[in-house]
Amino acid sequence: AEAEPVQGYPNLYAYFRNELRYPTEALADSIEGVVTVSFVINASGKPEQIKIQESPGAAFDKEAIRLISSMPDWKPAMLNGKPVASKISVPLTFQ
């Protein structure tokens, strides 16, 4: 089975929407864009190896990493009945 948020994807996306803070240093340029973040959900269901795949700028990277680091718990992927690490990637929209 794939790794998935304990409370489901809709809940996770609601968390992203509610918690995402547009970086104040980018306000002046009113940049909009999507940050694609990849991370590994380890066998304990925690995110690690958080990496920015694409991004409109460094200010956004910091916020994306903060969001992913503190997101709600995940159920790890299962292989042959054992939890295993798996790679996930999600888009975060800044506007």
N, C-alpha and C. Protein backbone atom coordinates (compact mmCIF):
# COMPACT_ATOMS: atom_id res chain seq x y z
N ALA A 1 0.84 -1.20 0.00
CA ALA A 1 0.00 0.00 0.00
C ALA A 1 0.88 1.25 0.00
N GLU A 2 0.37 2.29 -0.62
CA GLU A 2 1.09 3.56 -0.68
C GLU A 2 1.06 4.25 0.69
N ALA A 3 2.04 5.12 0.91
CA ALA A 3 1.98 5.99 2.08
C ALA A 3 0.82 6.96 1.89
N GLU A 4 0.13 7.28 2.97
CA GLU A 4 -0.94 8.28 2.87
C GLU A 4 -1.13 8.99 4.19
N PRO A 5 -1.65 10.23 4.10
CA PRO A 5 -1.90 10.98 5.34
C PRO A 5 -2.91 10.20 6.19
N VAL A 6 -2.66 10.12 7.49
CA VAL A 6 -3.55 9.39 8.39
C VAL A 6 -4.99 9.87 8.23
N GLN A 7 -5.17 11.18 8.11
CA GLN A 7 -6.53 11.73 8.01
C GLN A 7 -6.96 11.96 6.56
N GLY A 8 -6.20 11.44 5.61
CA GLY A 8 -6.59 11.54 4.21
C GLY A 8 -6.04 12.78 3.52
N TYR A 9 -6.00 12.71 2.19
CA TYR A 9 -5.48 13.82 1.40
C TYR A 9 -6.30 15.11 1.53
N PRO A 10 -7.65 15.04 1.55
CA PRO A 10 -8.41 16.29 1.67
C PRO A 10 -8.01 17.08 2.91
N ASN A 11 -7.81 16.35 4.01
CA ASN A 11 -7.39 16.98 5.25
C ASN A 11 -5.99 17.60 5.11
N LEU A 12 -5.10 16.87 4.44
CA LEU A 12 -3.74 17.37 4.22
C LEU A 12 -3.76 18.65 3.39
N TYR A 13 -4.56 18.66 2.30
CA TYR A 13 -4.62 19.85 1.46
C TYR A 13 -5.26 21.02 2.20
N ALA A 14 -6.21 20.73 3.08
CA ALA A 14 -6.81 21.78 3.90
C ALA A 14 -5.74 22.37 4.83
N TYR A 15 -4.90 21.50 5.40
CA TYR A 15 -3.79 21.96 6.24
C TYR A 15 -2.87 22.88 5.44
N PHE A 16 -2.50 22.46 4.23
CA PHE A 16 -1.63 23.30 3.39
C PHE A 16 -2.29 24.67 3.13
N ARG A 17 -3.56 24.65 2.77
CA ARG A 17 -4.27 25.90 2.48
C ARG A 17 -4.32 26.82 3.70
N ASN A 18 -4.65 26.23 4.87
CA ASN A 18 -4.81 27.02 6.08
C ASN A 18 -3.49 27.52 6.65
N GLU A 19 -2.45 26.73 6.52
CA GLU A 19 -1.19 27.01 7.18
C GLU A 19 -0.18 27.75 6.33
N LEU A 20 -0.35 27.67 5.01
CA LEU A 20 0.65 28.25 4.12
C LEU A 20 0.70 29.77 4.29
N ARG A 21 1.88 30.26 4.61
CA ARG A 21 2.07 31.71 4.76
C ARG A 21 2.86 32.22 3.56
N TYR A 22 2.29 33.16 2.85
CA TYR A 22 3.00 33.74 1.71
C TYR A 22 4.20 34.51 2.27
N PRO A 23 5.41 34.25 1.75
CA PRO A 23 6.60 34.92 2.32
C PRO A 23 6.54 36.44 2.14
N THR A 24 6.66 37.17 3.25
CA THR A 24 6.53 38.63 3.18
C THR A 24 7.56 39.25 2.24
N GLU A 25 8.77 38.63 2.18
CA GLU A 25 9.80 39.23 1.32
C GLU A 25 9.48 39.10 -0.17
N ALA A 26 8.48 38.26 -0.51
CA ALA A 26 8.10 38.12 -1.92
C ALA A 26 6.89 38.99 -2.26
N LEU A 27 6.25 39.57 -1.25
CA LEU A 27 5.03 40.36 -1.47
C LEU A 27 5.25 41.52 -2.44
N ALA A 28 6.36 42.21 -2.29
CA ALA A 28 6.64 43.38 -3.13
C ALA A 28 6.61 43.02 -4.61
N ASP A 29 7.12 41.86 -4.95
CA ASP A 29 7.15 41.44 -6.35
C ASP A 29 5.87 40.70 -6.74
N SER A 30 5.01 40.47 -5.74
CA SER A 30 3.79 39.67 -5.90
C SER A 30 3.98 38.49 -6.85
N ILE A 31 5.03 37.73 -6.56
CA ILE A 31 5.30 36.51 -7.33
C ILE A 31 4.25 35.49 -6.98
N GLU A 32 3.77 34.78 -7.99
CA GLU A 32 2.91 33.64 -7.72
C GLU A 32 3.60 32.42 -8.29
N GLY A 33 3.32 31.30 -7.73
CA GLY A 33 3.92 30.12 -8.31
C GLY A 33 3.69 28.89 -7.49
N VAL A 34 4.17 27.80 -8.04
CA VAL A 34 4.01 26.52 -7.40
C VAL A 34 5.39 26.03 -6.98
N VAL A 35 5.47 25.57 -5.75
CA VAL A 35 6.68 24.92 -5.27
C VAL A 35 6.38 23.43 -5.25
N THR A 36 7.20 22.65 -5.94
CA THR A 36 7.03 21.21 -5.88
C THR A 36 8.05 20.67 -4.89
N VAL A 37 7.54 19.98 -3.88
CA VAL A 37 8.39 19.46 -2.81
C VAL A 37 8.35 17.95 -2.84
N SER A 38 9.52 17.33 -2.75
CA SER A 38 9.52 15.88 -2.59
C SER A 38 10.07 15.55 -1.22
N PHE A 39 9.64 14.43 -0.70
CA PHE A 39 10.10 14.01 0.63
C PHE A 39 9.89 12.51 0.74
N VAL A 40 10.55 11.95 1.72
CA VAL A 40 10.39 10.53 2.00
C VAL A 40 9.56 10.41 3.27
N ILE A 41 8.51 9.59 3.21
CA ILE A 41 7.79 9.24 4.44
C ILE A 41 8.46 7.97 4.94
N ASN A 42 9.14 8.08 6.09
CA ASN A 42 9.89 6.93 6.58
C ASN A 42 8.96 5.88 7.19
N ALA A 43 9.54 4.78 7.63
CA ALA A 43 8.74 3.67 8.15
C ALA A 43 7.93 4.06 9.39
N SER A 44 8.30 5.18 10.03
CA SER A 44 7.53 5.66 11.19
C SER A 44 6.44 6.65 10.78
N GLY A 45 6.34 6.95 9.48
CA GLY A 45 5.32 7.88 9.02
C GLY A 45 5.73 9.34 9.13
N LYS A 46 7.03 9.59 9.30
CA LYS A 46 7.53 10.96 9.44
C LYS A 46 8.24 11.39 8.15
N PRO A 47 8.12 12.69 7.80
CA PRO A 47 8.80 13.17 6.60
C PRO A 47 10.30 13.38 6.84
N GLU A 48 11.11 12.98 5.89
CA GLU A 48 12.54 13.26 5.94
C GLU A 48 13.02 13.48 4.52
N GLN A 49 14.30 13.87 4.39
CA GLN A 49 14.89 14.14 3.07
C GLN A 49 13.99 15.07 2.24
N ILE A 50 13.56 16.16 2.88
CA ILE A 50 12.67 17.11 2.19
C ILE A 50 13.49 17.90 1.17
N LYS A 51 13.08 17.85 -0.10
CA LYS A 51 13.82 18.54 -1.15
C LYS A 51 12.87 19.36 -2.01
N ILE A 52 13.35 20.52 -2.42
CA ILE A 52 12.57 21.37 -3.32
C ILE A 52 12.90 20.96 -4.76
N GLN A 53 11.88 20.59 -5.52
CA GLN A 53 12.09 20.18 -6.91
C GLN A 53 12.04 21.38 -7.85
N GLU A 54 11.01 22.21 -7.65
CA GLU A 54 10.99 23.46 -8.42
C GLU A 54 10.32 24.53 -7.60
N SER A 55 10.70 25.79 -7.86
CA SER A 55 10.27 26.84 -6.97
C SER A 55 10.48 28.21 -7.61
N PRO A 56 9.58 29.17 -7.30
CA PRO A 56 9.81 30.53 -7.80
C PRO A 56 10.89 31.29 -7.02
N GLY A 57 11.40 30.75 -5.93
CA GLY A 57 12.44 31.48 -5.20
C GLY A 57 12.67 30.94 -3.80
N ALA A 58 13.82 31.32 -3.24
CA ALA A 58 14.27 30.78 -1.95
C ALA A 58 13.30 31.05 -0.80
N ALA A 59 12.65 32.20 -0.81
CA ALA A 59 11.71 32.53 0.28
C ALA A 59 10.60 31.48 0.35
N PHE A 60 10.21 30.98 -0.81
CA PHE A 60 9.14 29.99 -0.87
C PHE A 60 9.63 28.62 -0.38
N ASP A 61 10.90 28.34 -0.66
CA ASP A 61 11.47 27.04 -0.26
C ASP A 61 11.38 26.86 1.25
N LYS A 62 11.74 27.92 1.97
CA LYS A 62 11.77 27.86 3.43
C LYS A 62 10.37 27.53 3.98
N GLU A 63 9.38 28.22 3.44
CA GLU A 63 8.00 28.02 3.88
C GLU A 63 7.51 26.62 3.51
N ALA A 64 7.86 26.15 2.32
CA ALA A 64 7.44 24.82 1.88
C ALA A 64 8.03 23.76 2.82
N ILE A 65 9.30 23.93 3.17
CA ILE A 65 9.96 22.97 4.06
C ILE A 65 9.32 23.00 5.45
N ARG A 66 8.98 24.20 5.92
CA ARG A 66 8.30 24.32 7.22
C ARG A 66 6.96 23.58 7.20
N LEU A 67 6.19 23.79 6.14
CA LEU A 67 4.88 23.16 6.02
C LEU A 67 4.98 21.64 6.04
N ILE A 68 5.91 21.12 5.24
CA ILE A 68 6.07 19.67 5.15
C ILE A 68 6.57 19.10 6.47
N SER A 69 7.51 19.81 7.11
CA SER A 69 8.06 19.32 8.38
C SER A 69 7.01 19.18 9.45
N SER A 70 6.03 20.09 9.44
CA SER A 70 5.06 20.07 10.54
C SER A 70 3.67 19.58 10.12
N MET A 71 3.60 18.91 8.97
CA MET A 71 2.28 18.45 8.52
C MET A 71 1.77 17.30 9.40
N PRO A 72 0.46 17.04 9.34
CA PRO A 72 -0.12 15.95 10.13
C PRO A 72 0.52 14.60 9.78
N ASP A 73 0.35 13.65 10.70
CA ASP A 73 0.98 12.33 10.55
C ASP A 73 0.57 11.59 9.29
N TRP A 74 1.48 10.75 8.83
CA TRP A 74 1.23 9.88 7.70
C TRP A 74 1.27 8.42 8.14
N LYS A 75 0.54 7.59 7.39
CA LYS A 75 0.71 6.14 7.50
C LYS A 75 1.79 5.78 6.51
N PRO A 76 2.82 5.04 6.93
CA PRO A 76 3.87 4.66 5.99
C PRO A 76 3.36 3.68 4.95
N ALA A 77 4.05 3.59 3.84
CA ALA A 77 3.74 2.59 2.83
C ALA A 77 4.00 1.21 3.43
N MET A 78 3.28 0.21 2.95
CA MET A 78 3.46 -1.15 3.45
C MET A 78 3.93 -2.05 2.31
N LEU A 79 4.88 -2.90 2.62
CA LEU A 79 5.36 -3.89 1.66
C LEU A 79 5.46 -5.21 2.39
N ASN A 80 4.74 -6.21 1.89
CA ASN A 80 4.70 -7.51 2.57
C ASN A 80 4.37 -7.36 4.06
N GLY A 81 3.41 -6.49 4.36
CA GLY A 81 2.96 -6.32 5.73
C GLY A 81 3.90 -5.53 6.63
N LYS A 82 4.99 -4.99 6.06
CA LYS A 82 5.93 -4.21 6.88
C LYS A 82 5.96 -2.77 6.39
N PRO A 83 6.06 -1.81 7.33
CA PRO A 83 6.17 -0.41 6.91
C PRO A 83 7.52 -0.15 6.22
N VAL A 84 7.48 0.57 5.12
CA VAL A 84 8.71 0.91 4.40
C VAL A 84 8.70 2.40 4.05
N ALA A 85 9.89 2.94 3.82
CA ALA A 85 10.00 4.34 3.40
C ALA A 85 9.53 4.47 1.96
N SER A 86 8.92 5.60 1.64
CA SER A 86 8.54 5.83 0.24
C SER A 86 8.59 7.31 -0.08
N LYS A 87 8.85 7.59 -1.36
CA LYS A 87 9.02 8.98 -1.79
C LYS A 87 7.69 9.55 -2.28
N ILE A 88 7.42 10.76 -1.88
CA ILE A 88 6.17 11.44 -2.23
C ILE A 88 6.56 12.80 -2.80
N SER A 89 5.74 13.32 -3.70
CA SER A 89 5.97 14.72 -4.06
C SER A 89 4.64 15.45 -4.16
N VAL A 90 4.60 16.66 -3.65
CA VAL A 90 3.36 17.45 -3.65
C VAL A 90 3.63 18.87 -4.15
N PRO A 91 2.64 19.43 -4.85
CA PRO A 91 2.74 20.83 -5.27
C PRO A 91 2.11 21.74 -4.21
N LEU A 92 2.76 22.86 -3.92
CA LEU A 92 2.19 23.86 -3.02
C LEU A 92 2.04 25.15 -3.82
N THR A 93 0.83 25.69 -3.85
CA THR A 93 0.57 26.89 -4.65
C THR A 93 0.64 28.14 -3.79
N PHE A 94 1.48 29.07 -4.19
CA PHE A 94 1.58 30.37 -3.50
C PHE A 94 0.93 31.41 -4.38
N GLN A 95 -0.05 32.13 -3.81
CA GLN A 95 -0.65 33.20 -4.60
C GLN A 95 -1.13 34.32 -3.71
